[in-house]
C-alpha cells in the first residue's frame, strides 16, 4: 500500500514534479493497488467455497508460471484469452500475477498478455484498473484488445 505510493511520489519528485504532482502520483498508485486488491488471491479464495475450486486456482497459477518460464526461455509471448465471464476474476488475477512476475523491465518483449473483450460490460473498468496496477507496481502491462 503505502510503500508503492511512496515509490511513485519519489519517482515523480526525481522526474521534476512539484510536491502536489508527487502527492497525486502517490495517491493514484495507492488507489490502483487498493483497487486490484479487490481481485486479489485472498478475495478470490474467500469467494471460492469449494476446496476443489481453490486447489484448481492454485494449480492453474503454478501451471501458468511453468508455461511462462518456458516461453521466456524460448523468447516467445503467451496471450491469455477467455470469454467466460464467470471465470473472469480468476483470469484477471492470474494475468496480473504473471505479468508482475514475468513482464519486468529489461526484457525485449512481454512474456504474458491479457486479452480484454471490449463488448463485456466491465471491460473498460478492468482494463484501466489493470493498467493502473501495472504502473503502480512497475511492470510491463501487455494486452490484446478485441471488439
N, C-alpha and C. Protein backbone atom coordinates (compact mmCIF):
# COMPACT_ATOMS: atom_id res chain seq x y z
N UNK A 1 0.79 -1.17 0.00
CA UNK A 1 0.00 0.00 0.00
C UNK A 1 0.83 1.24 0.00
N UNK A 2 1.26 1.69 1.17
CA UNK A 2 1.94 2.98 1.28
C UNK A 2 3.30 2.96 0.62
N UNK A 3 3.98 1.81 0.64
CA UNK A 3 5.30 1.74 0.03
C UNK A 3 5.22 2.01 -1.46
N UNK A 4 4.20 1.44 -2.14
CA UNK A 4 4.04 1.68 -3.58
C UNK A 4 3.76 3.14 -3.86
N UNK A 5 2.94 3.75 -3.01
CA UNK A 5 2.62 5.16 -3.18
C UNK A 5 3.84 6.02 -2.97
N UNK A 6 4.64 5.73 -1.95
CA UNK A 6 5.86 6.49 -1.70
C UNK A 6 6.83 6.36 -2.85
N UNK A 7 6.96 5.18 -3.43
CA UNK A 7 7.85 4.98 -4.56
C UNK A 7 7.40 5.83 -5.75
N UNK A 8 6.10 5.88 -5.97
CA UNK A 8 5.58 6.70 -7.07
C UNK A 8 5.86 8.17 -6.81
N UNK A 9 5.69 8.61 -5.57
CA UNK A 9 5.96 10.00 -5.23
C UNK A 9 7.44 10.31 -5.38
N UNK A 10 8.29 9.39 -4.93
CA UNK A 10 9.74 9.58 -5.07
C UNK A 10 10.13 9.68 -6.53
N UNK A 11 9.55 8.79 -7.37
CA UNK A 11 9.86 8.83 -8.79
C UNK A 11 9.40 10.15 -9.41
N UNK A 12 8.21 10.58 -9.06
CA UNK A 12 7.69 11.84 -9.58
C UNK A 12 8.60 13.00 -9.17
N UNK A 13 9.05 12.99 -7.92
CA UNK A 13 9.93 14.06 -7.44
C UNK A 13 11.26 14.05 -8.19
N UNK A 14 11.81 12.87 -8.44
CA UNK A 14 13.07 12.76 -9.17
C UNK A 14 12.90 13.28 -10.59
N UNK A 15 11.72 13.05 -11.17
CA UNK A 15 11.46 13.48 -12.54
C UNK A 15 11.05 14.95 -12.63
N UNK A 16 11.24 15.71 -11.57
CA UNK A 16 11.00 17.15 -11.61
C UNK A 16 9.57 17.56 -11.33
N UNK A 17 8.78 16.69 -10.74
CA UNK A 17 7.40 17.03 -10.46
C UNK A 17 7.33 17.92 -9.22
N UNK A 18 6.27 18.69 -9.16
CA UNK A 18 6.03 19.52 -7.97
C UNK A 18 5.59 18.62 -6.83
N UNK A 19 5.55 19.15 -5.63
CA UNK A 19 5.09 18.38 -4.47
C UNK A 19 3.65 17.91 -4.67
N UNK A 20 2.80 18.77 -5.22
CA UNK A 20 1.41 18.40 -5.46
C UNK A 20 1.31 17.28 -6.49
N UNK A 21 2.13 17.35 -7.55
CA UNK A 21 2.13 16.30 -8.56
C UNK A 21 2.64 14.99 -7.96
N UNK A 22 3.66 15.09 -7.13
CA UNK A 22 4.21 13.89 -6.48
C UNK A 22 3.17 13.27 -5.56
N UNK A 23 2.43 14.11 -4.84
CA UNK A 23 1.39 13.60 -3.95
C UNK A 23 0.27 12.95 -4.76
N UNK A 24 -0.10 13.55 -5.87
CA UNK A 24 -1.15 12.98 -6.73
C UNK A 24 -0.69 11.63 -7.29
N UNK A 25 0.57 11.53 -7.65
CA UNK A 25 1.11 10.26 -8.15
C UNK A 25 1.05 9.20 -7.07
N UNK A 26 1.38 9.57 -5.85
CA UNK A 26 1.33 8.62 -4.73
C UNK A 26 -0.10 8.16 -4.48
N UNK A 27 -1.06 9.10 -4.53
CA UNK A 27 -2.46 8.74 -4.31
C UNK A 27 -2.95 7.82 -5.42
N UNK A 28 -2.58 8.10 -6.66
CA UNK A 28 -3.01 7.25 -7.78
C UNK A 28 -2.44 5.85 -7.64
N UNK A 29 -1.19 5.75 -7.22
CA UNK A 29 -0.58 4.43 -7.03
C UNK A 29 -1.28 3.66 -5.93
N UNK A 30 -1.60 4.33 -4.84
CA UNK A 30 -2.28 3.68 -3.72
C UNK A 30 -3.68 3.22 -4.14
N UNK A 31 -4.38 4.07 -4.91
CA UNK A 31 -5.72 3.70 -5.38
C UNK A 31 -5.67 2.49 -6.30
N UNK A 32 -4.68 2.44 -7.20
CA UNK A 32 -4.55 1.31 -8.13
C UNK A 32 -4.29 0.03 -7.36
N UNK A 33 -3.43 0.12 -6.36
CA UNK A 33 -3.11 -1.06 -5.56
C UNK A 33 -4.35 -1.53 -4.78
N UNK A 34 -5.06 -0.60 -4.17
CA UNK A 34 -6.25 -0.95 -3.40
C UNK A 34 -7.33 -1.54 -4.31
N UNK A 35 -7.46 -0.97 -5.50
CA UNK A 35 -8.47 -1.43 -6.43
C UNK A 35 -8.19 -2.86 -6.87
N UNK A 36 -6.94 -3.17 -7.16
CA UNK A 36 -6.58 -4.52 -7.58
C UNK A 36 -6.72 -5.51 -6.44
N UNK A 37 -6.62 -5.02 -5.20
CA UNK A 37 -6.81 -5.89 -4.05
C UNK A 37 -8.19 -6.52 -4.07
N UNK A 38 -9.15 -5.85 -4.70
CA UNK A 38 -10.50 -6.39 -4.80
C UNK A 38 -10.56 -7.69 -5.56
N UNK A 39 -9.55 -7.99 -6.35
CA UNK A 39 -9.50 -9.27 -7.05
C UNK A 39 -8.18 -9.97 -6.72
N UNK A 40 -7.74 -9.81 -5.49
CA UNK A 40 -6.52 -10.45 -5.03
C UNK A 40 -6.76 -11.92 -4.74
N UNK A 41 -5.70 -12.63 -4.45
CA UNK A 41 -5.81 -14.05 -4.13
C UNK A 41 -6.71 -14.27 -2.93
N UNK A 42 -6.56 -13.42 -1.91
CA UNK A 42 -7.37 -13.59 -0.70
C UNK A 42 -8.85 -13.40 -1.01
N UNK A 43 -9.16 -12.41 -1.81
CA UNK A 43 -10.56 -12.15 -2.15
C UNK A 43 -11.12 -13.30 -2.97
N UNK A 44 -10.34 -13.77 -3.94
CA UNK A 44 -10.80 -14.88 -4.76
C UNK A 44 -11.00 -16.14 -3.92
N UNK A 45 -10.05 -16.42 -3.05
CA UNK A 45 -10.17 -17.61 -2.21
C UNK A 45 -11.40 -17.52 -1.31
N UNK A 46 -11.72 -16.33 -0.83
CA UNK A 46 -12.90 -16.16 0.03
C UNK A 46 -14.18 -16.44 -0.76
N UNK A 47 -14.16 -16.13 -2.05
CA UNK A 47 -15.33 -16.36 -2.90
C UNK A 47 -15.50 -17.83 -3.28
N UNK A 48 -14.40 -18.57 -3.23
CA UNK A 48 -14.44 -19.98 -3.63
C UNK A 48 -14.77 -20.84 -2.41
N UNK A 49 -16.00 -21.30 -2.37
CA UNK A 49 -16.46 -22.11 -1.23
C UNK A 49 -15.88 -23.52 -1.26
N UNK A 50 -15.74 -24.05 -2.44
CA UNK A 50 -15.32 -25.44 -2.61
C UNK A 50 -13.79 -25.54 -2.58
N UNK A 51 -13.24 -26.35 -1.69
CA UNK A 51 -11.78 -26.52 -1.66
C UNK A 51 -11.20 -26.99 -3.00
N UNK A 52 -11.99 -27.72 -3.76
CA UNK A 52 -11.52 -28.17 -5.08
C UNK A 52 -11.32 -26.97 -6.01
N UNK A 53 -12.18 -25.95 -5.90
CA UNK A 53 -12.03 -24.74 -6.70
C UNK A 53 -10.77 -23.97 -6.31
N UNK A 54 -10.52 -23.90 -5.01
CA UNK A 54 -9.30 -23.22 -4.53
C UNK A 54 -8.06 -23.92 -5.04
N UNK A 55 -8.09 -25.23 -4.98
CA UNK A 55 -6.97 -26.02 -5.46
C UNK A 55 -6.78 -25.83 -6.96
N UNK A 56 -7.86 -25.77 -7.69
CA UNK A 56 -7.79 -25.56 -9.14
C UNK A 56 -7.15 -24.21 -9.47
N UNK A 57 -7.53 -23.17 -8.73
CA UNK A 57 -6.93 -21.85 -8.96
C UNK A 57 -5.42 -21.89 -8.69
N UNK A 58 -5.04 -22.48 -7.58
CA UNK A 58 -3.61 -22.56 -7.22
C UNK A 58 -2.83 -23.37 -8.25
N UNK A 59 -3.39 -24.50 -8.68
CA UNK A 59 -2.70 -25.33 -9.69
C UNK A 59 -2.63 -24.61 -11.04
N UNK A 60 -3.69 -23.89 -11.38
CA UNK A 60 -3.69 -23.14 -12.65
C UNK A 60 -2.57 -22.11 -12.66
N UNK A 61 -2.42 -21.39 -11.56
CA UNK A 61 -1.37 -20.38 -11.47
C UNK A 61 0.01 -21.04 -11.56
N UNK A 62 0.21 -22.13 -10.87
CA UNK A 62 1.51 -22.82 -10.93
C UNK A 62 1.79 -23.34 -12.33
N UNK A 63 0.79 -23.92 -12.99
CA UNK A 63 0.98 -24.41 -14.36
C UNK A 63 1.32 -23.27 -15.31
N UNK A 64 0.63 -22.15 -15.14
CA UNK A 64 0.90 -21.00 -15.99
C UNK A 64 2.29 -20.42 -15.73
N UNK A 65 2.74 -20.45 -14.48
CA UNK A 65 4.11 -19.99 -14.18
C UNK A 65 5.14 -20.84 -14.92
N UNK A 66 4.92 -22.14 -14.90
CA UNK A 66 5.84 -23.04 -15.61
C UNK A 66 5.82 -22.76 -17.11
N UNK A 67 4.63 -22.57 -17.65
CA UNK A 67 4.49 -22.28 -19.07
C UNK A 67 5.16 -20.94 -19.43
N UNK A 68 4.96 -19.93 -18.59
CA UNK A 68 5.58 -18.62 -18.83
C UNK A 68 7.10 -18.70 -18.76
N UNK A 69 7.62 -19.47 -17.82
CA UNK A 69 9.06 -19.63 -17.71
C UNK A 69 9.64 -20.24 -18.98
N UNK A 70 8.98 -21.26 -19.51
CA UNK A 70 9.42 -21.90 -20.74
C UNK A 70 9.30 -20.93 -21.92
N UNK A 71 8.21 -20.19 -21.97
CA UNK A 71 8.01 -19.22 -23.05
C UNK A 71 9.11 -18.17 -23.03
N UNK A 72 9.44 -17.68 -21.85
CA UNK A 72 10.51 -16.67 -21.73
C UNK A 72 11.84 -17.24 -22.20
N UNK A 73 12.14 -18.48 -21.81
CA UNK A 73 13.38 -19.13 -22.25
C UNK A 73 13.44 -19.25 -23.76
N UNK A 74 12.29 -19.48 -24.38
CA UNK A 74 12.22 -19.65 -25.84
C UNK A 74 12.09 -18.32 -26.58
N UNK A 75 11.90 -17.22 -25.84
CA UNK A 75 11.76 -15.91 -26.46
C UNK A 75 10.43 -15.68 -27.14
N UNK A 76 9.38 -16.33 -26.64
CA UNK A 76 8.05 -16.12 -27.22
C UNK A 76 7.11 -15.56 -26.16
N UNK A 77 5.98 -15.04 -26.62
CA UNK A 77 4.97 -14.48 -25.73
C UNK A 77 3.74 -15.38 -25.71
N UNK A 78 3.00 -15.30 -24.62
CA UNK A 78 1.74 -16.02 -24.47
C UNK A 78 0.61 -15.02 -24.33
N UNK A 79 -0.52 -15.31 -24.95
CA UNK A 79 -1.69 -14.46 -24.85
C UNK A 79 -2.80 -15.22 -24.14
N UNK A 80 -3.23 -14.72 -22.99
CA UNK A 80 -4.38 -15.29 -22.29
C UNK A 80 -5.63 -14.76 -22.97
N UNK A 81 -6.56 -15.65 -23.28
CA UNK A 81 -7.78 -15.24 -23.96
C UNK A 81 -8.90 -16.14 -23.48
N UNK A 82 -9.88 -15.58 -22.84
CA UNK A 82 -11.02 -16.36 -22.35
C UNK A 82 -12.27 -15.51 -22.40
N UNK A 83 -13.38 -16.13 -22.73
CA UNK A 83 -14.65 -15.41 -22.81
C UNK A 83 -15.66 -15.98 -21.84
N UNK A 84 -15.22 -16.41 -20.69
CA UNK A 84 -16.13 -16.97 -19.70
C UNK A 84 -16.25 -15.99 -18.55
N UNK A 85 -17.28 -15.18 -18.58
CA UNK A 85 -17.40 -14.08 -17.61
C UNK A 85 -17.42 -14.56 -16.17
N UNK A 86 -17.95 -15.75 -15.91
CA UNK A 86 -17.99 -16.25 -14.53
C UNK A 86 -16.60 -16.61 -14.01
N UNK A 87 -15.63 -16.77 -14.90
CA UNK A 87 -14.26 -17.07 -14.50
C UNK A 87 -13.33 -15.85 -14.61
N UNK A 88 -13.87 -14.74 -15.05
CA UNK A 88 -13.03 -13.57 -15.34
C UNK A 88 -12.24 -13.07 -14.13
N UNK A 89 -12.79 -13.02 -12.93
CA UNK A 89 -11.97 -12.56 -11.80
C UNK A 89 -10.71 -13.41 -11.61
N UNK A 90 -10.83 -14.71 -11.75
CA UNK A 90 -9.66 -15.59 -11.61
C UNK A 90 -8.68 -15.37 -12.76
N UNK A 91 -9.19 -15.21 -13.96
CA UNK A 91 -8.32 -14.99 -15.12
C UNK A 91 -7.58 -13.66 -14.97
N UNK A 92 -8.28 -12.62 -14.54
CA UNK A 92 -7.64 -11.32 -14.33
C UNK A 92 -6.54 -11.43 -13.27
N UNK A 93 -6.85 -12.12 -12.18
CA UNK A 93 -5.87 -12.30 -11.12
C UNK A 93 -4.63 -13.03 -11.64
N UNK A 94 -4.84 -14.14 -12.34
CA UNK A 94 -3.71 -14.91 -12.88
C UNK A 94 -2.89 -14.06 -13.84
N UNK A 95 -3.56 -13.32 -14.72
CA UNK A 95 -2.84 -12.48 -15.68
C UNK A 95 -2.00 -11.43 -14.97
N UNK A 96 -2.57 -10.75 -13.98
CA UNK A 96 -1.80 -9.73 -13.25
C UNK A 96 -0.61 -10.34 -12.52
N UNK A 97 -0.82 -11.46 -11.87
CA UNK A 97 0.27 -12.13 -11.15
C UNK A 97 1.39 -12.50 -12.11
N UNK A 98 1.04 -13.07 -13.26
CA UNK A 98 2.06 -13.49 -14.22
C UNK A 98 2.77 -12.30 -14.85
N UNK A 99 2.02 -11.24 -15.16
CA UNK A 99 2.67 -10.05 -15.71
C UNK A 99 3.62 -9.46 -14.69
N UNK A 100 3.22 -9.40 -13.44
CA UNK A 100 4.08 -8.86 -12.38
C UNK A 100 5.36 -9.67 -12.26
N UNK A 101 5.25 -10.96 -12.43
CA UNK A 101 6.41 -11.84 -12.29
C UNK A 101 7.26 -11.90 -13.55
N UNK A 102 6.65 -11.94 -14.72
CA UNK A 102 7.40 -12.21 -15.95
C UNK A 102 7.58 -11.01 -16.87
N UNK A 103 6.80 -9.95 -16.73
CA UNK A 103 6.92 -8.79 -17.62
C UNK A 103 7.69 -7.68 -16.92
N UNK A 104 8.86 -7.98 -16.46
CA UNK A 104 9.69 -7.00 -15.78
C UNK A 104 10.56 -6.25 -16.79
N UNK A 105 11.03 -5.06 -16.39
CA UNK A 105 11.86 -4.23 -17.25
C UNK A 105 13.12 -4.97 -17.70
N UNK A 106 13.62 -4.59 -18.83
CA UNK A 106 14.83 -5.18 -19.36
C UNK A 106 14.56 -6.31 -20.34
N UNK A 107 13.36 -6.88 -20.30
CA UNK A 107 13.03 -7.94 -21.24
C UNK A 107 12.78 -7.33 -22.62
N UNK A 108 13.21 -8.00 -23.69
CA UNK A 108 13.00 -7.43 -25.03
C UNK A 108 11.53 -7.37 -25.42
N UNK A 109 10.71 -8.22 -24.80
CA UNK A 109 9.28 -8.24 -25.10
C UNK A 109 8.54 -8.80 -23.89
N UNK A 110 7.25 -8.52 -23.78
CA UNK A 110 6.48 -9.11 -22.67
C UNK A 110 6.38 -10.62 -22.84
N UNK A 111 6.30 -11.33 -21.74
CA UNK A 111 6.10 -12.77 -21.79
C UNK A 111 4.61 -13.10 -21.83
N UNK A 112 3.81 -12.32 -21.12
CA UNK A 112 2.39 -12.65 -21.00
C UNK A 112 1.51 -11.45 -21.33
N UNK A 113 0.47 -11.68 -22.09
CA UNK A 113 -0.52 -10.67 -22.47
C UNK A 113 -1.87 -11.10 -21.93
N UNK A 114 -2.66 -10.16 -21.50
CA UNK A 114 -4.05 -10.39 -21.12
C UNK A 114 -4.92 -9.93 -22.29
N UNK A 115 -6.04 -10.57 -22.50
CA UNK A 115 -6.99 -10.16 -23.54
C UNK A 115 -8.19 -9.51 -22.89
N UNK A 116 -8.61 -8.38 -23.46
CA UNK A 116 -9.80 -7.69 -22.98
C UNK A 116 -10.84 -7.71 -24.09
N UNK A 117 -11.98 -8.37 -23.80
CA UNK A 117 -13.11 -8.44 -24.71
C UNK A 117 -13.94 -7.19 -24.45
N UNK A 118 -13.81 -6.19 -25.31
CA UNK A 118 -14.39 -4.88 -25.03
C UNK A 118 -15.91 -4.85 -25.10
N UNK A 119 -16.54 -5.89 -25.61
CA UNK A 119 -18.00 -5.93 -25.59
C UNK A 119 -18.54 -6.28 -24.20
N UNK A 120 -17.69 -6.80 -23.33
CA UNK A 120 -18.13 -7.11 -21.97
C UNK A 120 -18.34 -5.81 -21.21
N UNK A 121 -19.39 -5.77 -20.41
CA UNK A 121 -19.78 -4.53 -19.73
C UNK A 121 -18.68 -3.91 -18.88
N UNK A 122 -17.89 -4.71 -18.22
CA UNK A 122 -16.88 -4.17 -17.31
C UNK A 122 -15.48 -4.10 -17.91
N UNK A 123 -15.38 -4.27 -19.22
CA UNK A 123 -14.06 -4.34 -19.86
C UNK A 123 -13.25 -3.05 -19.67
N UNK A 124 -13.86 -1.89 -19.88
CA UNK A 124 -13.12 -0.63 -19.70
C UNK A 124 -12.60 -0.50 -18.28
N UNK A 125 -13.45 -0.79 -17.32
CA UNK A 125 -13.04 -0.71 -15.92
C UNK A 125 -11.86 -1.65 -15.65
N UNK A 126 -11.96 -2.90 -16.08
CA UNK A 126 -10.90 -3.88 -15.83
C UNK A 126 -9.60 -3.49 -16.51
N UNK A 127 -9.69 -3.01 -17.74
CA UNK A 127 -8.51 -2.59 -18.48
C UNK A 127 -7.82 -1.43 -17.76
N UNK A 128 -8.58 -0.41 -17.40
CA UNK A 128 -8.00 0.74 -16.71
C UNK A 128 -7.44 0.35 -15.34
N UNK A 129 -8.15 -0.50 -14.61
CA UNK A 129 -7.68 -0.97 -13.30
C UNK A 129 -6.34 -1.68 -13.43
N UNK A 130 -6.25 -2.60 -14.38
CA UNK A 130 -5.02 -3.39 -14.52
C UNK A 130 -3.86 -2.54 -15.03
N UNK A 131 -4.15 -1.56 -15.87
CA UNK A 131 -3.11 -0.65 -16.35
C UNK A 131 -2.57 0.19 -15.20
N UNK A 132 -3.47 0.73 -14.37
CA UNK A 132 -3.02 1.49 -13.20
C UNK A 132 -2.20 0.62 -12.24
N UNK A 133 -2.65 -0.60 -12.04
CA UNK A 133 -1.94 -1.52 -11.14
C UNK A 133 -0.53 -1.80 -11.66
N UNK A 134 -0.40 -2.06 -12.94
CA UNK A 134 0.92 -2.34 -13.53
C UNK A 134 1.83 -1.13 -13.37
N UNK A 135 1.28 0.05 -13.60
CA UNK A 135 2.08 1.27 -13.45
C UNK A 135 2.53 1.44 -12.01
N UNK A 136 1.60 1.20 -11.07
CA UNK A 136 1.92 1.35 -9.65
C UNK A 136 2.96 0.34 -9.20
N UNK A 137 2.91 -0.87 -9.75
CA UNK A 137 3.82 -1.94 -9.35
C UNK A 137 5.10 -1.98 -10.20
N UNK A 138 5.13 -1.20 -11.27
CA UNK A 138 6.35 -1.09 -12.07
C UNK A 138 6.65 -2.25 -13.00
N UNK A 139 5.60 -2.88 -13.54
CA UNK A 139 5.87 -3.93 -14.52
C UNK A 139 5.23 -3.58 -15.84
N UNK A 140 5.65 -4.27 -16.90
CA UNK A 140 5.20 -4.01 -18.25
C UNK A 140 3.80 -4.60 -18.44
N UNK A 141 2.84 -3.74 -18.74
CA UNK A 141 1.47 -4.15 -18.99
C UNK A 141 1.37 -4.48 -20.48
N UNK A 142 0.84 -5.66 -20.78
CA UNK A 142 0.70 -6.07 -22.18
C UNK A 142 -0.69 -6.67 -22.36
N UNK A 143 -1.38 -6.22 -23.39
CA UNK A 143 -2.72 -6.75 -23.61
C UNK A 143 -3.07 -6.75 -25.08
N UNK A 144 -4.08 -7.55 -25.37
CA UNK A 144 -4.71 -7.59 -26.69
C UNK A 144 -6.12 -7.10 -26.45
N UNK A 145 -6.57 -6.14 -27.23
CA UNK A 145 -7.91 -5.58 -27.09
C UNK A 145 -8.71 -6.00 -28.32
N UNK A 146 -9.85 -6.65 -28.08
CA UNK A 146 -10.70 -7.10 -29.18
C UNK A 146 -12.10 -6.53 -29.00
N UNK A 147 -12.82 -6.35 -30.09
CA UNK A 147 -14.13 -5.75 -30.17
C UNK A 147 -14.57 -5.26 -28.85
